[in-house]
Amino acid sequence: MAHLLPFVFSFSLVAALAAQSDRRREGRNAPVPEIKLEHFVYEEVEMESPSVRMGVYLPRGHADEASADERYPWVVWLHGRNESHHKFHRDGGARVLDELRGKGEIPELVFVALTLGNPIYVDTGRGVDQEKLITERLPAFLAEKYRVKNERTARAVMGVSMGGFGALKIAMRHPDLFATVAAHSSALMPADPESLQPPYQRQVQRMVERGGLDAVFGNPIDKEKWAQHMPLALAASMDTEELSRLAIYFDAGTEDRYGFGPPNQKLHEVLKERGVPHEFELVQGGGHSWGSGSLQKQLVKSLTFVGKRFVAAEAASTGTAAPAAGDKASAEAGR
């Protein structure tokens, strides 16, 4: 499989950054279907200057006086290209979230699904600096508007496709801010841009220039600047102890239409070789993102993974490892 990786990486990168003409654009302004949630209250809010929209899932008791002193762990979800927070809501994410809470698989938490117009998850200095948004503006906004915890162990970043890339790289670059990361079908790119085949190198170079990414990666692409944002490079170069502070889950399907399976497998191998604890699954027959139907199933695993970390962190902070009665997430985290 190793001899196929340059092509797969090339195809993956082009698919992740290419113009939107090869994919059907999601109707971001389409009406959001009503989905009955028993354990969360859903609201859409906007963060100003510049504006960023998001769908927020709050625990049912968030507004009750009885829980006025309660603080909740929180998750930020990063979407793929041509998507929005509506995609998570209407394609099964909201239902999975609600069902897992109903079964006690996850604790009470605040779940935030962002919408970014062109999700690249780097700071270009043009428009919204997306990494700073997620690491600086968003935590401050949530702390002011909702009752969320501020500890890194009470924060998780998740994502799919380009959002999976964003989740992994932001968590790796900011382990002091996020303790847990979970990613699906991540659009992983090579640690060295010269690993791309020459035709793809030229195409990527054009996209870097036209997309304003030259401010991040240099022009022509600088290897060191490139490596600072690529999870495969970060996984190989970061201090092992620092990287091991993260609780890491990721998966990809063998039938991913963009070929993201092999580079995710490569990330697993790099982490394994370095002795970094993580959970990885190459989903047999699994496709890409929401349309394949496999993401909804894998989301059960990733959210449960995140929930266990939240419960374990809470038990450690209070010095009470005993799980709450009937709470499966607490019980398993306490084993």
C-alpha atoms as a PDB file:
ATOM      1  CA  MET A   1       0.000   0.000   0.000  1.00  0.00           C
ATOM      2  CA  ALA A   2       2.934   2.316   0.611  1.00  0.00           C
ATOM      3  CA  HIS A   3       3.492   2.934  -3.115  1.00  0.00           C
ATOM      4  CA  LEU A   4      -0.109   4.171  -3.416  1.00  0.00           C
ATOM      5  CA  LEU A   5       0.181   6.758  -0.659  1.00  0.00           C
ATOM      6  CA  PRO A   6       1.559   9.641  -2.783  1.00  0.00           C
ATOM      7  CA  PHE A   7      -1.386   9.323  -5.160  1.00  0.00           C
ATOM      8  CA  VAL A   8      -3.884   8.942  -2.329  1.00  0.00           C
ATOM      9  CA  PHE A   9      -2.461  11.946  -0.520  1.00  0.00           C
ATOM     10  CA  SER A  10      -2.576  13.940  -3.748  1.00  0.00           C
ATOM     11  CA  PHE A  11      -6.161  13.009  -4.428  1.00  0.00           C
ATOM     12  CA  SER A  12      -7.164  13.657  -0.829  1.00  0.00           C
ATOM     13  CA  LEU A  13      -5.638  17.125  -0.770  1.00  0.00           C
ATOM     14  CA  VAL A  14      -7.156  18.160  -4.068  1.00  0.00           C
ATOM     15  CA  ALA A  15     -10.548  16.830  -2.981  1.00  0.00           C
ATOM     16  CA  ALA A  16     -10.324  18.752   0.265  1.00  0.00           C
ATOM     17  CA  LEU A  17      -9.311  22.088  -1.244  1.00  0.00           C
ATOM     18  CA  ALA A  18     -10.654  21.957  -4.812  1.00  0.00           C
ATOM     19  CA  ALA A  19     -13.290  24.300  -6.195  1.00  0.00           C
ATOM     20  CA  GLN A  20     -16.830  23.428  -5.265  1.00  0.00           C
ATOM     21  CA  SER A  21     -17.924  22.636  -8.827  1.00  0.00           C
ATOM     22  CA  ASP A  22     -17.277  18.913  -8.393  1.00  0.00           C
ATOM     23  CA  ARG A  23     -19.662  18.589  -5.456  1.00  0.00           C
ATOM     24  CA  ARG A  24     -23.253  19.529  -4.873  1.00  0.00           C
ATOM     25  CA  ARG A  25     -23.360  22.609  -2.661  1.00  0.00           C
ATOM     26  CA  GLU A  26     -25.470  22.176   0.428  1.00  0.00           C
ATOM     27  CA  GLY A  27     -28.325  24.645   0.773  1.00  0.00           C
ATOM     28  CA  ARG A  28     -27.174  26.460   3.892  1.00  0.00           C
ATOM     29  CA  ASN A  29     -30.276  28.592   3.980  1.00  0.00           C
ATOM     30  CA  ALA A  30     -32.690  25.680   3.589  1.00  0.00           C
ATOM     31  CA  PRO A  31     -35.280  25.331   6.360  1.00  0.00           C
ATOM     32  CA  VAL A  32     -34.068  23.208   9.239  1.00  0.00           C
ATOM     33  CA  PRO A  33     -36.455  20.305   9.844  1.00  0.00           C
ATOM     34  CA  GLU A  34     -38.008  20.058  13.260  1.00  0.00           C
ATOM     35  CA  ILE A  35     -36.327  17.298  15.224  1.00  0.00           C
ATOM     36  CA  LYS A  36     -37.754  16.354  18.580  1.00  0.00           C
ATOM     37  CA  LEU A  37     -35.061  16.316  21.237  1.00  0.00           C
ATOM     38  CA  GLU A  38     -35.832  14.947  24.686  1.00  0.00           C
ATOM     39  CA  HIS A  39     -32.584  15.737  26.464  1.00  0.00           C
ATOM     40  CA  PHE A  40     -31.313  18.879  24.745  1.00  0.00           C
ATOM     41  CA  VAL A  41     -32.649  22.290  23.797  1.00  0.00           C
ATOM     42  CA  TYR A  42     -31.484  23.414  20.367  1.00  0.00           C
ATOM     43  CA  GLU A  43     -30.924  27.030  19.404  1.00  0.00           C
ATOM     44  CA  GLU A  44     -29.182  28.859  16.596  1.00  0.00           C
ATOM     45  CA  VAL A  45     -27.018  31.805  17.575  1.00  0.00           C
ATOM     46  CA  GLU A  46     -24.612  34.190  15.907  1.00  0.00           C
ATOM     47  CA  MET A  47     -21.280  35.450  17.159  1.00  0.00           C
ATOM     48  CA  GLU A  48     -20.615  38.963  15.892  1.00  0.00           C
ATOM     49  CA  SER A  49     -17.622  40.826  14.469  1.00  0.00           C
ATOM     50  CA  PRO A  50     -17.263  39.165  12.051  1.00  0.00           C
ATOM     51  CA  SER A  51     -20.374  37.056  12.321  1.00  0.00           C
ATOM     52  CA  VAL A  52     -20.175  33.317  12.729  1.00  0.00           C
ATOM     53  CA  ARG A  53     -23.268  31.138  12.982  1.00  0.00           C
ATOM     54  CA  MET A  54     -23.666  28.016  15.066  1.00  0.00           C
ATOM     55  CA  GLY A  55     -26.192  25.500  16.317  1.00  0.00           C
ATOM     56  CA  VAL A  56     -26.006  24.968  20.077  1.00  0.00           C
ATOM     57  CA  TYR A  57     -27.384  21.970  21.995  1.00  0.00           C
ATOM     58  CA  LEU A  58     -27.951  22.771  25.674  1.00  0.00           C
ATOM     59  CA  PRO A  59     -28.876  20.321  28.441  1.00  0.00           C
ATOM     60  CA  ARG A  60     -32.588  20.473  29.224  1.00  0.00           C
ATOM     61  CA  GLY A  61     -31.889  21.829  32.688  1.00  0.00           C
ATOM     62  CA  HIS A  62     -29.542  24.580  31.564  1.00  0.00           C
ATOM     63  CA  ALA A  63     -32.097  27.345  32.193  1.00  0.00           C
ATOM     64  CA  ASP A  64     -33.509  25.927  35.452  1.00  0.00           C
ATOM     65  CA  GLU A  65     -32.906  27.794  38.689  1.00  0.00           C
ATOM     66  CA  ALA A  66     -32.148  24.502  40.378  1.00  0.00           C
ATOM     67  CA  SER A  67     -29.069  24.095  38.176  1.00  0.00           C
ATOM     68  CA  ALA A  68     -27.962  27.732  38.292  1.00  0.00           C
ATOM     69  CA  ASP A  69     -24.595  26.739  39.729  1.00  0.00           C
ATOM     70  CA  GLU A  70     -24.055  23.868  37.310  1.00  0.00           C
ATOM     71  CA  ARG A  71     -21.231  24.113  34.770  1.00  0.00           C
ATOM     72  CA  TYR A  72     -21.019  21.829  31.745  1.00  0.00           C
ATOM     73  CA  PRO A  73     -18.227  20.400  29.598  1.00  0.00           C
ATOM     74  CA  TRP A  74     -18.485  21.346  25.949  1.00  0.00           C
ATOM     75  CA  VAL A  75     -17.744  20.090  22.451  1.00  0.00           C
ATOM     76  CA  VAL A  76     -17.180  22.042  19.248  1.00  0.00           C
ATOM     77  CA  TRP A  77     -18.019  20.275  15.965  1.00  0.00           C
ATOM     78  CA  LEU A  78     -16.166  21.294  12.781  1.00  0.00           C
ATOM     79  CA  HIS A  79     -17.944  20.564   9.495  1.00  0.00           C
ATOM     80  CA  GLY A  80     -16.666  19.584   6.063  1.00  0.00           C
ATOM     81  CA  ARG A  81     -16.709  21.569   2.838  1.00  0.00           C
ATOM     82  CA  ASN A  82     -20.077  22.764   1.536  1.00  0.00           C
ATOM     83  CA  GLU A  83     -21.669  21.981   4.900  1.00  0.00           C
ATOM     84  CA  SER A  84     -22.982  23.892   7.903  1.00  0.00           C
ATOM     85  CA  HIS A  85     -24.362  23.266  11.379  1.00  0.00           C
ATOM     86  CA  HIS A  86     -27.618  22.312   9.641  1.00  0.00           C
ATOM     87  CA  LYS A  87     -25.906  19.221   8.251  1.00  0.00           C
ATOM     88  CA  PHE A  88     -25.158  17.850  11.709  1.00  0.00           C
ATOM     89  CA  HIS A  89     -28.692  18.659  12.854  1.00  0.00           C
ATOM     90  CA  ARG A  90     -30.727  17.160  10.042  1.00  0.00           C
ATOM     91  CA  ASP A  91     -28.539  14.244   8.893  1.00  0.00           C
ATOM     92  CA  GLY A  92     -28.543  12.322  12.136  1.00  0.00           C
ATOM     93  CA  GLY A  93     -26.057  14.004  14.447  1.00  0.00           C
ATOM     94  CA  ALA A  94     -28.699  15.595  16.676  1.00  0.00           C
ATOM     95  CA  ARG A  95     -30.558  12.302  17.069  1.00  0.00           C
ATOM     96  CA  VAL A  96     -27.388  10.399  17.973  1.00  0.00           C
ATOM     97  CA  LEU A  97     -26.472  13.046  20.541  1.00  0.00           C
ATOM     98  CA  ASP A  98     -29.920  12.965  22.113  1.00  0.00           C
ATOM     99  CA  GLU A  99     -30.178   9.174  22.158  1.00  0.00           C
ATOM    100  CA  LEU A 100     -26.776   8.736  23.776  1.00  0.00           C
ATOM    101  CA  ARG A 101     -27.714  11.149  26.550  1.00  0.00           C
ATOM    102  CA  GLY A 102     -31.004   9.325  27.044  1.00  0.00           C
ATOM    103  CA  LYS A 103     -29.136   6.033  27.470  1.00  0.00           C
ATOM    104  CA  GLY A 104     -26.644   7.565  29.885  1.00  0.00           C
ATOM    105  CA  GLU A 105     -23.773   6.943  27.464  1.00  0.00           C
ATOM    106  CA  ILE A 106     -22.651  10.573  27.719  1.00  0.00           C
ATOM    107  CA  PRO A 107     -22.951  13.093  30.562  1.00  0.00           C
ATOM    108  CA  GLU A 108     -24.774  16.408  30.322  1.00  0.00           C
ATOM    109  CA  LEU A 109     -22.786  18.678  28.026  1.00  0.00           C
ATOM    110  CA  VAL A 110     -23.022  21.643  25.671  1.00  0.00           C
ATOM    111  CA  PHE A 111     -22.527  20.746  22.007  1.00  0.00           C
ATOM    112  CA  VAL A 112     -21.661  23.502  19.514  1.00  0.00           C
ATOM    113  CA  ALA A 113     -21.817  22.922  15.747  1.00  0.00           C
ATOM    114  CA  LEU A 114     -20.069  25.782  13.929  1.00  0.00           C
ATOM    115  CA  THR A 115     -20.698  27.115  10.444  1.00  0.00           C
ATOM    116  CA  LEU A 116     -17.764  28.559   8.530  1.00  0.00           C
ATOM    117  CA  GLY A 117     -18.248  29.687   4.931  1.00  0.00           C
ATOM    118  CA  ASN A 118     -14.999  28.220   3.610  1.00  0.00           C
ATOM    119  CA  PRO A 119     -13.716  25.749   6.196  1.00  0.00           C
ATOM    120  CA  ILE A 120      -9.926  25.650   5.977  1.00  0.00           C
ATOM    121  CA  TYR A 121      -9.195  25.872   9.744  1.00  0.00           C
ATOM    122  CA  VAL A 122      -6.109  28.060   9.407  1.00  0.00           C
ATOM    123  CA  ASP A 123      -5.486  31.774   9.953  1.00  0.00           C
ATOM    124  CA  THR A 124      -4.927  33.620   6.688  1.00  0.00           C
ATOM    125  CA  GLY A 125      -5.363  37.174   7.934  1.00  0.00           C
ATOM    126  CA  ARG A 126      -8.168  37.581   5.410  1.00  0.00           C
ATOM    127  CA  GLY A 127     -11.710  37.436   6.774  1.00  0.00           C
ATOM    128  CA  VAL A 128     -12.241  35.132   9.747  1.00  0.00           C
ATOM    129  CA  ASP A 129      -9.052  33.655  11.185  1.00  0.00           C
ATOM    130  CA  GLN A 130     -10.552  30.242  11.806  1.00  0.00           C
ATOM    131  CA  GLU A 131      -7.978  28.778  14.175  1.00  0.00           C
ATOM    132  CA  LYS A 132      -8.074  31.837  16.414  1.00  0.00           C
ATOM    133  CA  LEU A 133     -11.859  31.736  16.239  1.00  0.00           C
ATOM    134  CA  ILE A 134     -11.924  28.201  17.633  1.00  0.00           C
ATOM    135  CA  THR A 135      -9.145  28.638  20.191  1.00  0.00           C
ATOM    136  CA  GLU A 136      -9.813  32.205  21.374  1.00  0.00           C
ATOM    137  CA  ARG A 137     -13.102  33.804  20.343  1.00  0.00           C
ATOM    138  CA  LEU A 138     -15.360  30.771  20.713  1.00  0.00           C
ATOM    139  CA  PRO A 139     -14.304  29.807  24.269  1.00  0.00           C
ATOM    140  CA  ALA A 140     -14.747  33.418  25.389  1.00  0.00           C
ATOM    141  CA  PHE A 141     -18.149  33.675  23.700  1.00  0.00           C
ATOM    142  CA  LEU A 142     -19.421  30.435  25.239  1.00  0.00           C
ATOM    143  CA  ALA A 143     -18.130  31.354  28.693  1.00  0.00           C
ATOM    144  CA  GLU A 144     -20.033  34.623  28.541  1.00  0.00           C
ATOM    145  CA  LYS A 145     -23.276  33.269  27.099  1.00  0.00           C
ATOM    146  CA  TYR A 146     -23.550  29.800  28.665  1.00  0.00           C
ATOM    147  CA  ARG A 147     -22.520  28.003  31.834  1.00  0.00           C
ATOM    148  CA  VAL A 148     -19.579  26.046  30.459  1.00  0.00           C
ATOM    149  CA  LYS A 149     -16.467  24.823  32.211  1.00  0.00           C
ATOM    150  CA  ASN A 150     -13.134  26.402  31.421  1.00  0.00           C
ATOM    151  CA  GLU A 151     -10.776  23.505  32.142  1.00  0.00           C
ATOM    152  CA  ARG A 152      -9.062  21.878  29.137  1.00  0.00           C
ATOM    153  CA  THR A 153     -10.306  18.490  30.365  1.00  0.00           C
ATOM    154  CA  ALA A 154     -13.865  19.764  29.912  1.00  0.00           C
ATOM    155  CA  ARG A 155     -13.306  20.722  26.261  1.00  0.00           C
ATOM    156  CA  ALA A 156     -13.323  18.553  23.147  1.00  0.00           C
ATOM    157  CA  VAL A 157     -13.020  19.286  19.437  1.00  0.00           C
ATOM    158  CA  MET A 158     -14.629  16.984  16.856  1.00  0.00           C
ATOM    159  CA  GLY A 159     -15.087  17.075  13.106  1.00  0.00           C
ATOM    160  CA  VAL A 160     -15.631  15.326   9.781  1.00  0.00           C
ATOM    161  CA  SER A 161     -13.702  15.454   6.498  1.00  0.00           C
ATOM    162  CA  MET A 162     -12.053  18.890   6.295  1.00  0.00           C
ATOM    163  CA  GLY A 163     -13.422  19.414   9.809  1.00  0.00           C
ATOM    164  CA  GLY A 164     -11.678  16.220  10.887  1.00  0.00           C
ATOM    165  CA  PHE A 165      -8.420  17.662   9.618  1.00  0.00           C
ATOM    166  CA  GLY A 166      -9.189  20.861  11.516  1.00  0.00           C
ATOM    167  CA  ALA A 167     -10.051  19.026  14.723  1.00  0.00           C
ATOM    168  CA  LEU A 168      -6.880  16.951  14.741  1.00  0.00           C
ATOM    169  CA  LYS A 169      -4.510  19.758  13.871  1.00  0.00           C
ATOM    170  CA  ILE A 170      -6.068  22.278  16.269  1.00  0.00           C
ATOM    171  CA  ALA A 171      -5.999  19.765  19.129  1.00  0.00           C
ATOM    172  CA  MET A 172      -2.376  18.900  18.366  1.00  0.00           C
ATOM    173  CA  ARG A 173      -1.363  22.550  18.139  1.00  0.00           C
ATOM    174  CA  HIS A 174      -3.306  23.495  21.283  1.00  0.00           C
ATOM    175  CA  PRO A 175      -3.187  20.593  23.770  1.00  0.00           C
ATOM    176  CA  ASP A 176      -3.318  23.218  26.506  1.00  0.00           C
ATOM    177  CA  LEU A 177      -6.844  24.185  25.377  1.00  0.00           C
ATOM    178  CA  PHE A 178      -8.427  20.868  24.333  1.00  0.00           C
ATOM    179  CA  ALA A 179      -7.888  17.551  26.100  1.00  0.00           C
ATOM    180  CA  THR A 180      -9.950  15.396  23.732  1.00  0.00           C
ATOM    181  CA  VAL A 181     -10.253  15.138  19.940  1.00  0.00           C
ATOM    182  CA  ALA A 182     -12.423  12.885  17.776  1.00  0.00           C
ATOM    183  CA  ALA A 183     -12.401  12.922  13.977  1.00  0.00           C
ATOM    184  CA  HIS A 184     -14.088  11.124  11.086  1.00  0.00           C
ATOM    185  CA  SER A 185     -12.989  10.753   7.440  1.00  0.00           C
ATOM    186  CA  SER A 186     -10.289  13.348   8.064  1.00  0.00           C
ATOM    187  CA  ALA A 187      -8.841  15.098   5.010  1.00  0.00           C
ATOM    188  CA  LEU A 188      -5.256  14.327   5.931  1.00  0.00           C
ATOM    189  CA  MET A 189      -2.451  15.695   3.789  1.00  0.00           C
ATOM    190  CA  PRO A 190       1.200  14.638   3.484  1.00  0.00           C
ATOM    191  CA  ALA A 191       3.775  15.840   5.966  1.00  0.00           C
ATOM    192  CA  ASP A 192       5.946  16.956   3.042  1.00  0.00           C
ATOM    193  CA  PRO A 193       4.233  18.806   0.148  1.00  0.00           C
ATOM    194  CA  GLU A 194       6.831  17.371  -2.232  1.00  0.00           C
ATOM    195  CA  SER A 195       5.235  13.962  -1.655  1.00  0.00           C
ATOM    196  CA  LEU A 196       2.527  15.129  -4.031  1.00  0.00           C
ATOM    197  CA  GLN A 197       2.862  14.132  -7.659  1.00  0.00           C
ATOM    198  CA  PRO A 198       4.133  17.046  -9.841  1.00  0.00           C
ATOM    199  CA  PRO A 199       0.779  17.779 -11.536  1.00  0.00           C
ATOM    200  CA  TYR A 200      -0.916  17.965  -8.157  1.00  0.00           C
ATOM    201  CA  GLN A 201       1.877  20.107  -6.729  1.00  0.00           C
ATOM    202  CA  ARG A 202       1.115  22.724  -9.378  1.00  0.00           C
ATOM    203  CA  GLN A 203      -2.626  22.502  -8.756  1.00  0.00           C
ATOM    204  CA  VAL A 204      -2.178  22.801  -4.993  1.00  0.00           C
ATOM    205  CA  GLN A 205       0.167  25.743  -5.525  1.00  0.00           C
ATOM    206  CA  ARG A 206      -2.511  27.546  -7.553  1.00  0.00           C
ATOM    207  CA  MET A 207      -5.130  26.859  -4.883  1.00  0.00           C
ATOM    208  CA  VAL A 208      -2.792  28.139  -2.187  1.00  0.00           C
ATOM    209  CA  GLU A 209      -2.329  31.373  -4.090  1.00  0.00           C
ATOM    210  CA  ARG A 210      -5.983  31.894  -4.979  1.00  0.00           C
ATOM    211  CA  GLY A 211      -7.270  30.902  -1.563  1.00  0.00           C
ATOM    212  CA  GLY A 212      -5.013  33.211   0.381  1.00  0.00           C
ATOM    213  CA  LEU A 213      -3.174  30.278   1.931  1.00  0.00           C
ATOM    214  CA  ASP A 214       0.163  31.680   0.767  1.00  0.00           C
ATOM    215  CA  ALA A 215       0.080  33.768   3.945  1.00  0.00           C
ATOM    216  CA  VAL A 216       0.136  30.508   5.910  1.00  0.00           C
ATOM    217  CA  PHE A 217       2.235  28.136   3.813  1.00  0.00           C
ATOM    218  CA  GLY A 218       4.428  30.539   1.883  1.00  0.00           C
ATOM    219  CA  ASN A 219       4.771  30.999  -1.877  1.00  0.00           C
ATOM    220  CA  PRO A 220       6.144  28.694  -3.083  1.00  0.00           C
ATOM    221  CA  ILE A 221       5.046  26.344  -0.308  1.00  0.00           C
ATOM    222  CA  ASP A 222       7.510  26.298   2.556  1.00  0.00           C
ATOM    223  CA  LYS A 223       8.031  22.806   3.972  1.00  0.00           C
ATOM    224  CA  GLU A 224       8.406  23.964   7.564  1.00  0.00           C
ATOM    225  CA  LYS A 225       5.327  26.196   7.469  1.00  0.00           C
ATOM    226  CA  TRP A 226       3.339  23.408   5.813  1.00  0.00           C
ATOM    227  CA  ALA A 227       4.380  20.882   8.469  1.00  0.00           C
ATOM    228  CA  GLN A 228       3.202  23.184  11.259  1.00  0.00           C
ATOM    229  CA  HIS A 229      -0.415  22.557  10.205  1.00  0.00           C
ATOM    230  CA  MET A 230      -0.429  18.936   9.011  1.00  0.00           C
ATOM    231  CA  PRO A 231      -1.521  16.297  11.570  1.00  0.00           C
ATOM    232  CA  LEU A 232       0.818  13.700  10.036  1.00  0.00           C
ATOM    233  CA  ALA A 233       3.765  16.047  10.486  1.00  0.00           C
ATOM    234  CA  LEU A 234       2.683  17.129  13.957  1.00  0.00           C
ATOM    235  CA  ALA A 235       2.187  13.517  15.050  1.00  0.00           C
ATOM    236  CA  ALA A 236       5.761  12.742  13.987  1.00  0.00           C
ATOM    237  CA  SER A 237       7.438  15.861  15.384  1.00  0.00           C
ATOM    238  CA  MET A 238       5.628  16.835  18.598  1.00  0.00           C
ATOM    239  CA  ASP A 239       7.028  15.991  21.999  1.00  0.00           C
ATOM    240  CA  THR A 240       5.648  12.568  22.870  1.00  0.00           C
ATOM    241  CA  GLU A 241       4.567  13.573  26.373  1.00  0.00           C
ATOM    242  CA  GLU A 242       2.765  16.641  25.043  1.00  0.00           C
ATOM    243  CA  LEU A 243       1.008  14.627  22.351  1.00  0.00           C
ATOM    244  CA  SER A 244       0.072  11.945  24.877  1.00  0.00           C
ATOM    245  CA  ARG A 245      -1.838  14.542  26.913  1.00  0.00           C
ATOM    246  CA  LEU A 246      -4.549  14.299  24.253  1.00  0.00           C
ATOM    247  CA  ALA A 247      -7.268  11.667  24.230  1.00  0.00           C
ATOM    248  CA  ILE A 248      -7.430  10.848  20.504  1.00  0.00           C
ATOM    249  CA  TYR A 249     -10.099   9.008  18.521  1.00  0.00           C
ATOM    250  CA  PHE A 250     -10.353   8.878  14.724  1.00  0.00           C
ATOM    251  CA  ASP A 251     -11.713   6.641  11.993  1.00  0.00           C
ATOM    252  CA  ALA A 252     -12.013   6.410   8.226  1.00  0.00           C
ATOM    253  CA  GLY A 253     -13.769   4.052   5.828  1.00  0.00           C
ATOM    254  CA  THR A 254     -12.266   1.580   3.388  1.00  0.00           C
ATOM    255  CA  GLU A 255     -14.743   2.831   0.764  1.00  0.00           C
ATOM    256  CA  ASP A 256     -14.155   6.551   1.332  1.00  0.00           C
ATOM    257  CA  ARG A 257     -14.742   8.084  -2.098  1.00  0.00           C
ATOM    258  CA  TYR A 258     -11.875  10.538  -1.601  1.00  0.00           C
ATOM    259  CA  GLY A 259      -9.367   7.935  -0.509  1.00  0.00           C
ATOM    260  CA  PHE A 260      -8.939   9.179   3.066  1.00  0.00           C
ATOM    261  CA  GLY A 261      -8.596   5.656   4.474  1.00  0.00           C
ATOM    262  CA  PRO A 262      -4.850   5.145   3.783  1.00  0.00           C
ATOM    263  CA  PRO A 263      -3.617   8.514   5.140  1.00  0.00           C
ATOM    264  CA  ASN A 264      -5.674   7.992   8.315  1.00  0.00           C
ATOM    265  CA  GLN A 265      -4.171   4.513   8.600  1.00  0.00           C
ATOM    266  CA  LYS A 266      -0.759   6.152   8.233  1.00  0.00           C
ATOM    267  CA  LEU A 267      -1.541   8.528  11.109  1.00  0.00           C
ATOM    268  CA  HIS A 268      -2.470   5.514  13.231  1.00  0.00           C
ATOM    269  CA  GLU A 269       0.858   3.883  12.396  1.00  0.00           C
ATOM    270  CA  VAL A 270       2.844   7.025  13.265  1.00  0.00           C
ATOM    271  CA  LEU A 271       1.104   7.363  16.636  1.00  0.00           C
ATOM    272  CA  LYS A 272       1.510   3.664  17.349  1.00  0.00           C
ATOM    273  CA  GLU A 273       5.229   3.729  16.541  1.00  0.00           C
ATOM    274  CA  ARG A 274       5.706   6.634  18.939  1.00  0.00           C
ATOM    275  CA  GLY A 275       3.723   4.944  21.703  1.00  0.00           C
ATOM    276  CA  VAL A 276       1.002   7.598  21.769  1.00  0.00           C
ATOM    277  CA  PRO A 277      -2.297   6.209  23.163  1.00  0.00           C
ATOM    278  CA  HIS A 278      -5.215   6.587  20.760  1.00  0.00           C
ATOM    279  CA  GLU A 279      -8.194   4.789  19.278  1.00  0.00           C
ATOM    280  CA  PHE A 280      -8.414   4.255  15.517  1.00  0.00           C
ATOM    281  CA  GLU A 281     -10.787   2.250  13.361  1.00  0.00           C
ATOM    282  CA  LEU A 282     -10.533   1.553   9.664  1.00  0.00           C
ATOM    283  CA  VAL A 283     -14.232   0.979   9.035  1.00  0.00           C
ATOM    284  CA  GLN A 284     -14.716  -1.924   6.687  1.00  0.00           C
ATOM    285  CA  GLY A 285     -17.131  -0.886   3.939  1.00  0.00           C
ATOM    286  CA  GLY A 286     -17.404   2.587   5.453  1.00  0.00           C
ATOM    287  CA  GLY A 287     -17.840   5.552   3.137  1.00  0.00           C
ATOM    288  CA  HIS A 288     -17.217   9.255   3.435  1.00  0.00           C
ATOM    289  CA  SER A 289     -19.055  11.636   5.734  1.00  0.00           C
ATOM    290  CA  TRP A 290     -22.843  11.758   6.168  1.00  0.00           C
ATOM    291  CA  GLY A 291     -24.060  10.427   2.828  1.00  0.00           C
ATOM    292  CA  SER A 292     -22.634   6.933   3.246  1.00  0.00           C
ATOM    293  CA  GLY A 293     -24.595   6.234   6.429  1.00  0.00           C
ATOM    294  CA  SER A 294     -21.477   5.072   8.268  1.00  0.00           C
ATOM    295  CA  LEU A 295     -20.790   8.392  10.003  1.00  0.00           C
ATOM    296  CA  GLN A 296     -23.988   8.164  12.040  1.00  0.00           C
ATOM    297  CA  LYS A 297     -22.837   4.781  13.381  1.00  0.00           C
ATOM    298  CA  GLN A 298     -19.296   5.941  14.064  1.00  0.00           C
ATOM    299  CA  LEU A 299     -20.577   9.057  15.792  1.00  0.00           C
ATOM    300  CA  VAL A 300     -21.958   6.807  18.523  1.00  0.00           C
ATOM    301  CA  LYS A 301     -18.412   5.600  19.195  1.00  0.00           C
ATOM    302  CA  SER A 302     -16.737   9.001  19.057  1.00  0.00           C
ATOM    303  CA  LEU A 303     -19.285  10.756  21.269  1.00  0.00           C
ATOM    304  CA  THR A 304     -19.110   7.910  23.781  1.00  0.00           C
ATOM    305  CA  PHE A 305     -15.315   8.244  23.718  1.00  0.00           C
ATOM    306  CA  VAL A 306     -15.619  11.966  24.442  1.00  0.00           C
ATOM    307  CA  GLY A 307     -18.239  11.405  27.127  1.00  0.00           C
ATOM    308  CA  LYS A 308     -16.048   8.950  29.009  1.00  0.00           C
ATOM    309  CA  ARG A 309     -13.225  11.480  29.105  1.00  0.00           C
ATOM    310  CA  PHE A 310     -15.522  14.149  30.495  1.00  0.00           C
ATOM    311  CA  VAL A 311     -16.812  11.820  33.188  1.00  0.00           C
ATOM    312  CA  ALA A 312     -13.318  10.676  34.129  1.00  0.00           C
ATOM    313  CA  ALA A 313     -12.115  14.285  34.350  1.00  0.00           C
ATOM    314  CA  GLU A 314     -15.038  15.225  36.584  1.00  0.00           C
ATOM    315  CA  ALA A 315     -14.386  12.260  38.855  1.00  0.00           C
ATOM    316  CA  ALA A 316     -10.702  13.189  39.085  1.00  0.00           C
ATOM    317  CA  SER A 317     -11.466  16.821  39.908  1.00  0.00           C
ATOM    318  CA  THR A 318     -13.928  15.943  42.671  1.00  0.00           C
ATOM    319  CA  GLY A 319     -11.988  12.969  43.993  1.00  0.00           C
ATOM    320  CA  THR A 320     -15.058  10.750  43.619  1.00  0.00           C
ATOM    321  CA  ALA A 321     -14.500   7.991  41.102  1.00  0.00           C
ATOM    322  CA  ALA A 322     -17.825   6.315  41.945  1.00  0.00           C
ATOM    323  CA  PRO A 323     -20.213   6.562  38.948  1.00  0.00           C
ATOM    324  CA  ALA A 324     -23.686   7.990  39.152  1.00  0.00           C
ATOM    325  CA  ALA A 325     -26.381   5.336  39.379  1.00  0.00           C
ATOM    326  CA  GLY A 326     -27.618   4.212  36.011  1.00  0.00           C
ATOM    327  CA  ASP A 327     -25.057   6.296  34.134  1.00  0.00           C
ATOM    328  CA  LYS A 328     -23.242   3.921  31.795  1.00  0.00           C
ATOM    329  CA  ALA A 329     -20.667   6.493  30.726  1.00  0.00           C
ATOM    330  CA  SER A 330     -19.731   7.108  34.340  1.00  0.00           C
ATOM    331  CA  ALA A 331     -19.602   3.405  35.119  1.00  0.00           C
ATOM    332  CA  GLU A 332     -17.261   2.561  32.265  1.00  0.00           C
ATOM    333  CA  ALA A 333     -15.017   5.574  32.864  1.00  0.00           C
ATOM    334  CA  GLY A 334     -14.610   4.515  36.461  1.00  0.00           C
ATOM    335  CA  ARG A 335     -13.351   1.019  35.629  1.00  0.00           C
END
